[in-house]
Amino acid sequence: MTASAERAHIGARPVDQAPSFDELYAAHDADLTVQLYLYFGDRQEAHDIVQEAFCRAYARWRSISRYEDPVGWVRHVAWNLALSKWRRTRSAFAFLNRQRRIEPQVAGPGPERVAVLAALAILPEQQRRVVVLRYVADLTVPEIAERERVAEGTVKSWLHRARLAMAAHLKTDDAGEGAR
């Protein structure tokens, strides 16, 4: 069997013909992802960076396909992207650390706020929404009715029920704390 017949027989292409983008991707995507995963420690981040490198290669495939080592170009771009990501993350952490030293520490929410948030959480969605709109956003009953596309009486009813439920929840919460 001649060399050309053997290549045709086993599906190989001539030595001087560059691999197609699909062939390169299929052959090296997993390897490059593993390499970056071992560098980053984050599989999804490594996969995303390798995909970005292959997207950039695809956009320039006419020239990259003629390179002696097109996968080397993709690997180089992927590593550069990974290093850029790492540097941005490091810079962001450094900035946050500087901010923590500069800004005074703010205390967490007090027990009253936690109790009110817990009481709000037990309300049905529409009651919770009108309570927030009325007492936090400082909207009037007619404004809330217009925004929610309901009658003013409905808004008043929701507010009344919400206040009763919150008062009952806060009263039982206070009684529970006093018993401790």
N, C-alpha and C. Protein backbone atom coordinates (compact mmCIF):
# COMPACT_ATOMS: atom_id res chain seq x y z
N MET A 1 0.86 -1.17 0.00
CA MET A 1 0.00 0.00 0.00
C MET A 1 0.90 1.23 0.00
N THR A 2 0.60 2.21 -0.85
CA THR A 2 1.39 3.43 -0.92
C THR A 2 1.07 4.31 0.28
N ALA A 3 1.93 5.31 0.53
CA ALA A 3 1.75 6.20 1.68
C ALA A 3 0.45 6.99 1.57
N SER A 4 0.15 7.47 0.37
CA SER A 4 -1.09 8.25 0.22
C SER A 4 -2.31 7.36 0.39
N ALA A 5 -2.24 6.15 -0.09
CA ALA A 5 -3.36 5.23 0.07
C ALA A 5 -3.52 4.86 1.54
N GLU A 6 -2.39 4.71 2.25
CA GLU A 6 -2.45 4.38 3.67
C GLU A 6 -3.07 5.52 4.48
N ARG A 7 -2.67 6.78 4.15
CA ARG A 7 -3.27 7.92 4.83
C ARG A 7 -4.76 7.99 4.57
N ALA A 8 -5.18 7.79 3.36
CA ALA A 8 -6.60 7.79 3.04
C ALA A 8 -7.31 6.66 3.75
N HIS A 9 -6.62 5.52 3.86
CA HIS A 9 -7.21 4.36 4.51
C HIS A 9 -7.46 4.61 6.01
N ILE A 10 -6.54 5.22 6.71
CA ILE A 10 -6.70 5.41 8.15
C ILE A 10 -7.27 6.79 8.49
N GLY A 11 -7.57 7.60 7.48
CA GLY A 11 -8.20 8.89 7.75
C GLY A 11 -7.21 9.97 8.14
N ALA A 12 -5.92 9.77 7.94
CA ALA A 12 -4.92 10.78 8.30
C ALA A 12 -4.83 11.81 7.19
N ARG A 13 -4.40 12.98 7.53
CA ARG A 13 -4.21 14.03 6.54
C ARG A 13 -2.72 14.12 6.26
N PRO A 14 -2.36 14.75 5.17
CA PRO A 14 -0.93 14.91 4.86
C PRO A 14 -0.22 15.69 5.96
N VAL A 15 1.06 15.44 6.11
CA VAL A 15 1.86 16.06 7.16
C VAL A 15 1.86 17.57 7.03
N ASP A 16 1.87 18.11 5.81
CA ASP A 16 1.98 19.54 5.62
C ASP A 16 0.64 20.27 5.80
N GLN A 17 -0.45 19.52 6.01
CA GLN A 17 -1.76 20.15 6.17
C GLN A 17 -2.02 20.41 7.66
N ALA A 18 -2.43 21.64 7.99
CA ALA A 18 -2.68 22.03 9.38
C ALA A 18 -3.98 21.38 9.86
N PRO A 19 -4.08 21.13 11.16
CA PRO A 19 -5.34 20.58 11.68
C PRO A 19 -6.45 21.62 11.58
N SER A 20 -7.67 21.15 11.49
CA SER A 20 -8.80 22.08 11.49
C SER A 20 -9.01 22.59 12.92
N PHE A 21 -9.73 23.67 13.03
CA PHE A 21 -10.02 24.21 14.35
C PHE A 21 -10.75 23.18 15.20
N ASP A 22 -11.72 22.50 14.61
CA ASP A 22 -12.49 21.49 15.35
C ASP A 22 -11.60 20.38 15.86
N GLU A 23 -10.65 19.95 15.04
CA GLU A 23 -9.73 18.90 15.46
C GLU A 23 -8.85 19.37 16.61
N LEU A 24 -8.33 20.58 16.48
CA LEU A 24 -7.48 21.13 17.53
C LEU A 24 -8.26 21.25 18.84
N TYR A 25 -9.48 21.76 18.73
CA TYR A 25 -10.32 21.93 19.92
C TYR A 25 -10.60 20.58 20.58
N ALA A 26 -11.01 19.61 19.79
CA ALA A 26 -11.35 18.29 20.33
C ALA A 26 -10.13 17.62 20.98
N ALA A 27 -8.97 17.84 20.39
CA ALA A 27 -7.77 17.18 20.91
C ALA A 27 -7.19 17.84 22.14
N HIS A 28 -7.42 19.15 22.34
CA HIS A 28 -6.69 19.85 23.39
C HIS A 28 -7.53 20.58 24.42
N ASP A 29 -8.81 20.69 24.24
CA ASP A 29 -9.67 21.40 25.19
C ASP A 29 -9.55 20.81 26.59
N ALA A 30 -9.70 19.51 26.71
CA ALA A 30 -9.67 18.88 28.04
C ALA A 30 -8.30 19.03 28.69
N ASP A 31 -7.23 18.83 27.92
CA ASP A 31 -5.88 18.95 28.48
C ASP A 31 -5.61 20.35 29.01
N LEU A 32 -5.96 21.36 28.22
CA LEU A 32 -5.73 22.73 28.66
C LEU A 32 -6.59 23.08 29.88
N THR A 33 -7.81 22.57 29.91
CA THR A 33 -8.67 22.82 31.06
C THR A 33 -8.07 22.21 32.32
N VAL A 34 -7.55 20.99 32.22
CA VAL A 34 -6.92 20.34 33.38
C VAL A 34 -5.71 21.14 33.84
N GLN A 35 -4.89 21.61 32.90
CA GLN A 35 -3.71 22.38 33.27
C GLN A 35 -4.11 23.64 34.05
N LEU A 36 -5.11 24.34 33.55
CA LEU A 36 -5.52 25.56 34.25
C LEU A 36 -6.27 25.26 35.53
N TYR A 37 -6.98 24.15 35.56
CA TYR A 37 -7.65 23.75 36.80
C TYR A 37 -6.62 23.51 37.90
N LEU A 38 -5.53 22.86 37.55
CA LEU A 38 -4.49 22.62 38.54
C LEU A 38 -3.83 23.92 38.98
N TYR A 39 -3.81 24.90 38.10
CA TYR A 39 -3.25 26.20 38.45
C TYR A 39 -4.21 27.00 39.32
N PHE A 40 -5.48 27.06 38.91
CA PHE A 40 -6.49 27.88 39.58
C PHE A 40 -7.13 27.20 40.77
N GLY A 41 -7.35 25.90 40.64
CA GLY A 41 -8.09 25.19 41.68
C GLY A 41 -9.59 25.36 41.52
N ASP A 42 -10.01 25.92 40.40
CA ASP A 42 -11.43 26.14 40.14
C ASP A 42 -11.73 25.63 38.73
N ARG A 43 -12.44 24.51 38.68
CA ARG A 43 -12.69 23.85 37.40
C ARG A 43 -13.48 24.74 36.44
N GLN A 44 -14.53 25.39 36.94
CA GLN A 44 -15.35 26.22 36.07
C GLN A 44 -14.57 27.42 35.54
N GLU A 45 -13.77 28.03 36.38
CA GLU A 45 -12.95 29.16 35.95
C GLU A 45 -11.95 28.71 34.89
N ALA A 46 -11.34 27.56 35.10
CA ALA A 46 -10.39 27.04 34.12
C ALA A 46 -11.09 26.76 32.79
N HIS A 47 -12.25 26.16 32.85
CA HIS A 47 -13.02 25.87 31.63
C HIS A 47 -13.37 27.17 30.90
N ASP A 48 -13.82 28.18 31.63
CA ASP A 48 -14.20 29.45 31.02
C ASP A 48 -13.00 30.12 30.34
N ILE A 49 -11.85 30.07 30.97
CA ILE A 49 -10.66 30.71 30.40
C ILE A 49 -10.21 29.97 29.15
N VAL A 50 -10.23 28.65 29.18
CA VAL A 50 -9.85 27.88 27.99
C VAL A 50 -10.83 28.15 26.85
N GLN A 51 -12.11 28.25 27.17
CA GLN A 51 -13.10 28.56 26.14
C GLN A 51 -12.83 29.94 25.53
N GLU A 52 -12.48 30.90 26.36
CA GLU A 52 -12.16 32.23 25.86
C GLU A 52 -10.93 32.19 24.95
N ALA A 53 -9.93 31.42 25.33
CA ALA A 53 -8.73 31.30 24.49
C ALA A 53 -9.07 30.66 23.15
N PHE A 54 -9.91 29.63 23.15
CA PHE A 54 -10.31 29.01 21.90
C PHE A 54 -11.17 29.95 21.06
N CYS A 55 -12.00 30.77 21.69
CA CYS A 55 -12.79 31.76 20.94
C CYS A 55 -11.88 32.75 20.24
N ARG A 56 -10.84 33.18 20.93
CA ARG A 56 -9.89 34.11 20.33
C ARG A 56 -9.13 33.44 19.18
N ALA A 57 -8.81 32.16 19.36
CA ALA A 57 -8.13 31.43 18.29
C ALA A 57 -9.05 31.28 17.08
N TYR A 58 -10.30 30.99 17.32
CA TYR A 58 -11.25 30.81 16.23
C TYR A 58 -11.39 32.09 15.41
N ALA A 59 -11.40 33.22 16.10
CA ALA A 59 -11.53 34.50 15.41
C ALA A 59 -10.31 34.79 14.53
N ARG A 60 -9.17 34.21 14.85
CA ARG A 60 -7.93 34.46 14.10
C ARG A 60 -7.43 33.18 13.41
N TRP A 61 -8.32 32.24 13.20
CA TRP A 61 -7.90 30.90 12.78
C TRP A 61 -7.14 30.91 11.46
N ARG A 62 -7.44 31.81 10.53
CA ARG A 62 -6.72 31.82 9.25
C ARG A 62 -5.22 31.96 9.46
N SER A 63 -4.81 32.84 10.35
CA SER A 63 -3.37 33.01 10.56
C SER A 63 -2.83 31.99 11.57
N ILE A 64 -3.59 31.70 12.60
CA ILE A 64 -3.10 30.78 13.64
C ILE A 64 -2.94 29.36 13.09
N SER A 65 -3.81 28.97 12.17
CA SER A 65 -3.72 27.61 11.61
C SER A 65 -2.42 27.38 10.88
N ARG A 66 -1.75 28.45 10.44
CA ARG A 66 -0.47 28.33 9.74
C ARG A 66 0.72 28.28 10.69
N TYR A 67 0.48 28.54 11.97
CA TYR A 67 1.58 28.49 12.94
C TYR A 67 2.11 27.06 13.05
N GLU A 68 3.34 26.97 13.44
CA GLU A 68 3.95 25.65 13.63
C GLU A 68 3.26 24.91 14.78
N ASP A 69 2.86 25.66 15.84
CA ASP A 69 2.22 25.05 17.00
C ASP A 69 0.98 25.86 17.40
N PRO A 70 -0.15 25.64 16.70
CA PRO A 70 -1.34 26.43 17.03
C PRO A 70 -1.84 26.19 18.45
N VAL A 71 -1.69 24.97 18.95
CA VAL A 71 -2.13 24.71 20.32
C VAL A 71 -1.25 25.46 21.32
N GLY A 72 -0.01 25.68 20.96
CA GLY A 72 0.88 26.48 21.81
C GLY A 72 0.37 27.90 21.93
N TRP A 73 -0.14 28.44 20.81
CA TRP A 73 -0.72 29.79 20.85
C TRP A 73 -1.93 29.82 21.78
N VAL A 74 -2.81 28.83 21.66
CA VAL A 74 -4.01 28.77 22.50
C VAL A 74 -3.60 28.62 23.97
N ARG A 75 -2.60 27.76 24.24
CA ARG A 75 -2.14 27.57 25.62
C ARG A 75 -1.57 28.88 26.17
N HIS A 76 -0.78 29.57 25.36
CA HIS A 76 -0.18 30.84 25.78
C HIS A 76 -1.27 31.87 26.10
N VAL A 77 -2.27 31.97 25.24
CA VAL A 77 -3.37 32.92 25.48
C VAL A 77 -4.13 32.52 26.74
N ALA A 78 -4.39 31.24 26.91
CA ALA A 78 -5.13 30.78 28.11
C ALA A 78 -4.35 31.11 29.38
N TRP A 79 -3.05 30.87 29.37
CA TRP A 79 -2.25 31.18 30.56
C TRP A 79 -2.21 32.69 30.81
N ASN A 80 -2.12 33.48 29.74
CA ASN A 80 -2.14 34.94 29.93
C ASN A 80 -3.48 35.39 30.51
N LEU A 81 -4.57 34.81 30.01
CA LEU A 81 -5.88 35.16 30.56
C LEU A 81 -5.96 34.76 32.03
N ALA A 82 -5.43 33.58 32.35
CA ALA A 82 -5.45 33.12 33.75
C ALA A 82 -4.63 34.05 34.64
N LEU A 83 -3.46 34.45 34.16
CA LEU A 83 -2.63 35.36 34.95
C LEU A 83 -3.30 36.71 35.13
N SER A 84 -3.94 37.20 34.07
CA SER A 84 -4.66 38.47 34.18
C SER A 84 -5.78 38.37 35.19
N LYS A 85 -6.50 37.28 35.16
CA LYS A 85 -7.60 37.06 36.11
C LYS A 85 -7.04 37.01 37.53
N TRP A 86 -5.95 36.29 37.71
CA TRP A 86 -5.34 36.17 39.03
C TRP A 86 -4.88 37.54 39.53
N ARG A 87 -4.27 38.33 38.64
CA ARG A 87 -3.81 39.67 39.04
C ARG A 87 -4.97 40.58 39.40
N ARG A 88 -6.05 40.52 38.62
CA ARG A 88 -7.22 41.35 38.94
C ARG A 88 -7.80 40.94 40.28
N THR A 89 -7.88 39.65 40.53
CA THR A 89 -8.41 39.16 41.80
C THR A 89 -7.52 39.60 42.96
N ARG A 90 -6.21 39.47 42.77
CA ARG A 90 -5.26 39.89 43.81
C ARG A 90 -5.38 41.38 44.08
N SER A 91 -5.52 42.17 43.02
CA SER A 91 -5.67 43.62 43.19
C SER A 91 -6.97 43.95 43.91
N ALA A 92 -8.03 43.24 43.58
CA ALA A 92 -9.31 43.48 44.25
C ALA A 92 -9.22 43.15 45.73
N PHE A 93 -8.57 42.02 46.06
CA PHE A 93 -8.41 41.67 47.47
C PHE A 93 -7.55 42.69 48.20
N ALA A 94 -6.50 43.16 47.56
CA ALA A 94 -5.64 44.18 48.19
C ALA A 94 -6.44 45.45 48.45
N PHE A 95 -7.25 45.85 47.47
CA PHE A 95 -8.09 47.03 47.64
C PHE A 95 -9.06 46.84 48.81
N LEU A 96 -9.71 45.67 48.86
CA LEU A 96 -10.65 45.41 49.96
C LEU A 96 -9.95 45.43 51.31
N ASN A 97 -8.76 44.87 51.37
CA ASN A 97 -8.01 44.88 52.63
C ASN A 97 -7.66 46.30 53.05
N ARG A 98 -7.28 47.15 52.09
CA ARG A 98 -7.00 48.55 52.42
C ARG A 98 -8.25 49.24 52.91
N GLN A 99 -9.38 48.96 52.28
CA GLN A 99 -10.64 49.58 52.69
C GLN A 99 -11.03 49.15 54.09
N ARG A 100 -10.81 47.91 54.41
CA ARG A 100 -11.14 47.42 55.76
C ARG A 100 -10.32 48.13 56.82
N ARG A 101 -9.06 48.45 56.49
CA ARG A 101 -8.21 49.14 57.45
C ARG A 101 -8.60 50.61 57.57
N ILE A 102 -9.09 51.19 56.47
CA ILE A 102 -9.42 52.61 56.45
C ILE A 102 -10.78 52.86 57.09
N GLU A 103 -11.77 52.11 56.67
CA GLU A 103 -13.13 52.35 57.14
C GLU A 103 -13.34 51.73 58.52
N PRO A 104 -14.05 52.44 59.38
CA PRO A 104 -14.35 51.85 60.69
C PRO A 104 -15.31 50.68 60.51
N GLN A 105 -15.14 49.72 61.37
CA GLN A 105 -16.01 48.55 61.31
C GLN A 105 -17.41 48.93 61.76
N VAL A 106 -18.39 48.51 61.00
CA VAL A 106 -19.78 48.80 61.32
C VAL A 106 -20.36 47.60 62.03
N ALA A 107 -21.03 47.86 63.12
CA ALA A 107 -21.64 46.76 63.87
C ALA A 107 -22.77 46.15 63.05
N GLY A 108 -23.03 44.90 63.27
CA GLY A 108 -24.12 44.21 62.59
C GLY A 108 -25.46 44.73 63.07
N PRO A 109 -26.52 44.23 62.48
CA PRO A 109 -27.84 44.70 62.89
C PRO A 109 -28.15 44.32 64.34
N GLY A 110 -28.85 45.23 65.00
CA GLY A 110 -29.22 44.98 66.39
C GLY A 110 -30.37 43.99 66.48
N PRO A 111 -30.69 43.56 67.68
CA PRO A 111 -31.75 42.57 67.85
C PRO A 111 -33.11 43.07 67.39
N GLU A 112 -33.35 44.37 67.50
CA GLU A 112 -34.63 44.92 67.06
C GLU A 112 -34.78 44.77 65.54
N ARG A 113 -33.73 45.11 64.83
CA ARG A 113 -33.79 45.00 63.37
C ARG A 113 -33.95 43.54 62.95
N VAL A 114 -33.25 42.65 63.59
CA VAL A 114 -33.36 41.23 63.27
C VAL A 114 -34.80 40.76 63.52
N ALA A 115 -35.40 41.21 64.62
CA ALA A 115 -36.77 40.82 64.94
C ALA A 115 -37.75 41.35 63.90
N VAL A 116 -37.56 42.60 63.46
CA VAL A 116 -38.45 43.18 62.45
C VAL A 116 -38.29 42.44 61.12
N LEU A 117 -37.06 42.13 60.74
CA LEU A 117 -36.84 41.38 59.50
C LEU A 117 -37.48 39.99 59.58
N ALA A 118 -37.38 39.35 60.72
CA ALA A 118 -38.03 38.04 60.89
C ALA A 118 -39.54 38.18 60.80
N ALA A 119 -40.09 39.24 61.39
CA ALA A 119 -41.54 39.46 61.32
C ALA A 119 -41.97 39.74 59.88
N LEU A 120 -41.19 40.50 59.14
CA LEU A 120 -41.50 40.75 57.73
C LEU A 120 -41.45 39.46 56.92
N ALA A 121 -40.54 38.58 57.27
CA ALA A 121 -40.37 37.34 56.51
C ALA A 121 -41.59 36.42 56.62
N ILE A 122 -42.37 36.53 57.69
CA ILE A 122 -43.53 35.64 57.84
C ILE A 122 -44.73 36.14 57.05
N LEU A 123 -44.70 37.37 56.57
CA LEU A 123 -45.84 37.95 55.86
C LEU A 123 -45.94 37.40 54.44
N PRO A 124 -47.17 37.31 53.92
CA PRO A 124 -47.31 37.00 52.50
C PRO A 124 -46.66 38.09 51.66
N GLU A 125 -46.30 37.76 50.44
CA GLU A 125 -45.53 38.67 49.59
C GLU A 125 -46.18 40.04 49.42
N GLN A 126 -47.48 40.08 49.10
CA GLN A 126 -48.10 41.38 48.85
C GLN A 126 -48.15 42.22 50.12
N GLN A 127 -48.37 41.61 51.28
CA GLN A 127 -48.38 42.38 52.53
C GLN A 127 -46.98 42.92 52.84
N ARG A 128 -45.99 42.08 52.64
CA ARG A 128 -44.61 42.51 52.90
C ARG A 128 -44.25 43.67 51.97
N ARG A 129 -44.66 43.58 50.69
CA ARG A 129 -44.36 44.63 49.73
C ARG A 129 -45.01 45.95 50.13
N VAL A 130 -46.29 45.93 50.54
CA VAL A 130 -46.95 47.20 50.89
C VAL A 130 -46.38 47.78 52.18
N VAL A 131 -45.98 46.94 53.12
CA VAL A 131 -45.35 47.45 54.35
C VAL A 131 -44.05 48.17 54.00
N VAL A 132 -43.25 47.57 53.14
CA VAL A 132 -41.98 48.20 52.75
C VAL A 132 -42.25 49.49 51.98
N LEU A 133 -43.21 49.45 51.05
CA LEU A 133 -43.51 50.66 50.29
C LEU A 133 -44.04 51.78 51.19
N ARG A 134 -44.84 51.43 52.19
CA ARG A 134 -45.43 52.45 53.07
C ARG A 134 -44.43 52.99 54.07
N TYR A 135 -43.72 52.10 54.76
CA TYR A 135 -42.90 52.53 55.89
C TYR A 135 -41.41 52.71 55.58
N VAL A 136 -40.96 52.14 54.49
CA VAL A 136 -39.55 52.33 54.11
C VAL A 136 -39.44 53.31 52.95
N ALA A 137 -40.25 53.07 51.89
CA ALA A 137 -40.22 53.97 50.73
C ALA A 137 -41.05 55.22 50.98
N ASP A 138 -41.85 55.22 52.05
CA ASP A 138 -42.64 56.38 52.46
C ASP A 138 -43.66 56.81 51.40
N LEU A 139 -44.25 55.82 50.72
CA LEU A 139 -45.31 56.11 49.76
C LEU A 139 -46.64 56.19 50.49
N THR A 140 -47.56 56.95 49.94
CA THR A 140 -48.90 57.06 50.52
C THR A 140 -49.74 55.87 50.06
N VAL A 141 -50.88 55.68 50.73
CA VAL A 141 -51.77 54.58 50.35
C VAL A 141 -52.22 54.72 48.90
N PRO A 142 -52.65 55.93 48.45
CA PRO A 142 -53.03 56.05 47.04
C PRO A 142 -51.87 55.75 46.07
N GLU A 143 -50.65 56.13 46.42
CA GLU A 143 -49.50 55.84 45.55
C GLU A 143 -49.24 54.34 45.47
N ILE A 144 -49.37 53.68 46.61
CA ILE A 144 -49.17 52.22 46.63
C ILE A 144 -50.26 51.54 45.81
N ALA A 145 -51.50 51.99 45.97
CA ALA A 145 -52.62 51.40 45.23
C ALA A 145 -52.39 51.54 43.73
N GLU A 146 -51.93 52.70 43.31
CA GLU A 146 -51.65 52.92 41.88
C GLU A 146 -50.52 52.03 41.40
N ARG A 147 -49.47 51.95 42.19
CA ARG A 147 -48.30 51.14 41.81
C ARG A 147 -48.65 49.66 41.74
N GLU A 148 -49.44 49.18 42.70
CA GLU A 148 -49.80 47.76 42.77
C GLU A 148 -51.03 47.42 41.92
N ARG A 149 -51.69 48.47 41.38
CA ARG A 149 -52.88 48.31 40.55
C ARG A 149 -54.01 47.59 41.30
N VAL A 150 -54.24 48.06 42.53
CA VAL A 150 -55.34 47.55 43.36
C VAL A 150 -56.06 48.75 43.97
N ALA A 151 -57.20 48.49 44.56
CA ALA A 151 -57.96 49.56 45.21
C ALA A 151 -57.25 50.02 46.49
N GLU A 152 -57.51 51.26 46.89
CA GLU A 152 -56.92 51.78 48.12
C GLU A 152 -57.36 50.96 49.32
N GLY A 153 -58.61 50.52 49.32
CA GLY A 153 -59.10 49.68 50.41
C GLY A 153 -58.32 48.38 50.54
N THR A 154 -57.90 47.84 49.42
CA THR A 154 -57.09 46.61 49.44
C THR A 154 -55.74 46.89 50.09
N VAL A 155 -55.14 48.01 49.76
CA VAL A 155 -53.85 48.37 50.36
C VAL A 155 -54.02 48.54 51.87
N LYS A 156 -55.09 49.25 52.28
CA LYS A 156 -55.34 49.45 53.72
C LYS A 156 -55.55 48.11 54.42
N SER A 157 -56.26 47.22 53.78
CA SER A 157 -56.51 45.89 54.36
C SER A 157 -55.20 45.12 54.52
N TRP A 158 -54.37 45.14 53.47
CA TRP A 158 -53.08 44.45 53.54
C TRP A 158 -52.20 45.04 54.63
N LEU A 159 -52.17 46.35 54.74
CA LEU A 159 -51.37 47.00 55.78
C LEU A 159 -51.87 46.62 57.17
N HIS A 160 -53.20 46.63 57.34
CA HIS A 160 -53.79 46.28 58.63
C HIS A 160 -53.42 44.85 59.02
N ARG A 161 -53.61 43.91 58.10
CA ARG A 161 -53.29 42.50 58.37
C ARG A 161 -51.79 42.33 58.65
N ALA A 162 -50.97 43.04 57.89
CA ALA A 162 -49.53 42.93 58.08
C ALA A 162 -49.11 43.44 59.46
N ARG A 163 -49.67 44.59 59.86
CA ARG A 163 -49.34 45.14 61.18
C ARG A 163 -49.76 44.18 62.29
N LEU A 164 -50.97 43.59 62.17
CA LEU A 164 -51.43 42.64 63.18
C LEU A 164 -50.51 41.43 63.26
N ALA A 165 -50.17 40.88 62.11
CA ALA A 165 -49.30 39.69 62.09
C ALA A 165 -47.91 40.01 62.64
N MET A 166 -47.37 41.16 62.27
CA MET A 166 -46.05 41.53 62.76
C MET A 166 -46.09 41.79 64.26
N ALA A 167 -47.14 42.47 64.73
CA ALA A 167 -47.25 42.75 66.17
C ALA A 167 -47.33 41.44 66.95
N ALA A 168 -48.13 40.49 66.46
CA ALA A 168 -48.24 39.20 67.14
C ALA A 168 -46.90 38.48 67.15
N HIS A 169 -46.20 38.52 66.00
CA HIS A 169 -44.90 37.85 65.93
C HIS A 169 -43.88 38.51 66.86
N LEU A 170 -43.87 39.84 66.88
CA LEU A 170 -42.92 40.54 67.73
C LEU A 170 -43.25 40.35 69.21
N LYS A 171 -44.55 40.28 69.54
CA LYS A 171 -44.95 40.07 70.93
C LYS A 171 -44.52 38.69 71.41
N THR A 172 -44.72 37.65 70.56
CA THR A 172 -44.32 36.29 70.97
C THR A 172 -42.81 36.19 71.02
N ASP A 173 -42.13 36.92 70.15
CA ASP A 173 -40.67 36.92 70.16
C ASP A 173 -40.15 37.56 71.45
N ASP A 174 -40.77 38.69 71.86
CA ASP A 174 -40.38 39.35 73.09
C ASP A 174 -40.67 38.47 74.29
N ALA A 175 -41.82 37.80 74.28
CA ALA A 175 -42.17 36.90 75.39
C ALA A 175 -41.19 35.76 75.48
N GLY A 176 -40.77 35.25 74.31
CA GLY A 176 -39.80 34.15 74.29
C GLY A 176 -38.46 34.57 74.83
N GLU A 177 -38.04 35.81 74.51
CA GLU A 177 -36.76 36.30 75.02
C GLU A 177 -36.80 36.52 76.51
N GLY A 178 -37.95 37.03 77.00
CA GLY A 178 -38.06 37.29 78.43
C GLY A 178 -38.03 36.01 79.23
N ALA A 179 -38.51 34.92 78.66
CA ALA A 179 -38.54 33.66 79.36
C ALA A 179 -37.17 33.03 79.47
N ARG A 180 -36.26 33.46 78.60
CA ARG A 180 -34.92 32.85 78.61
C ARG A 180 -34.18 33.31 79.76
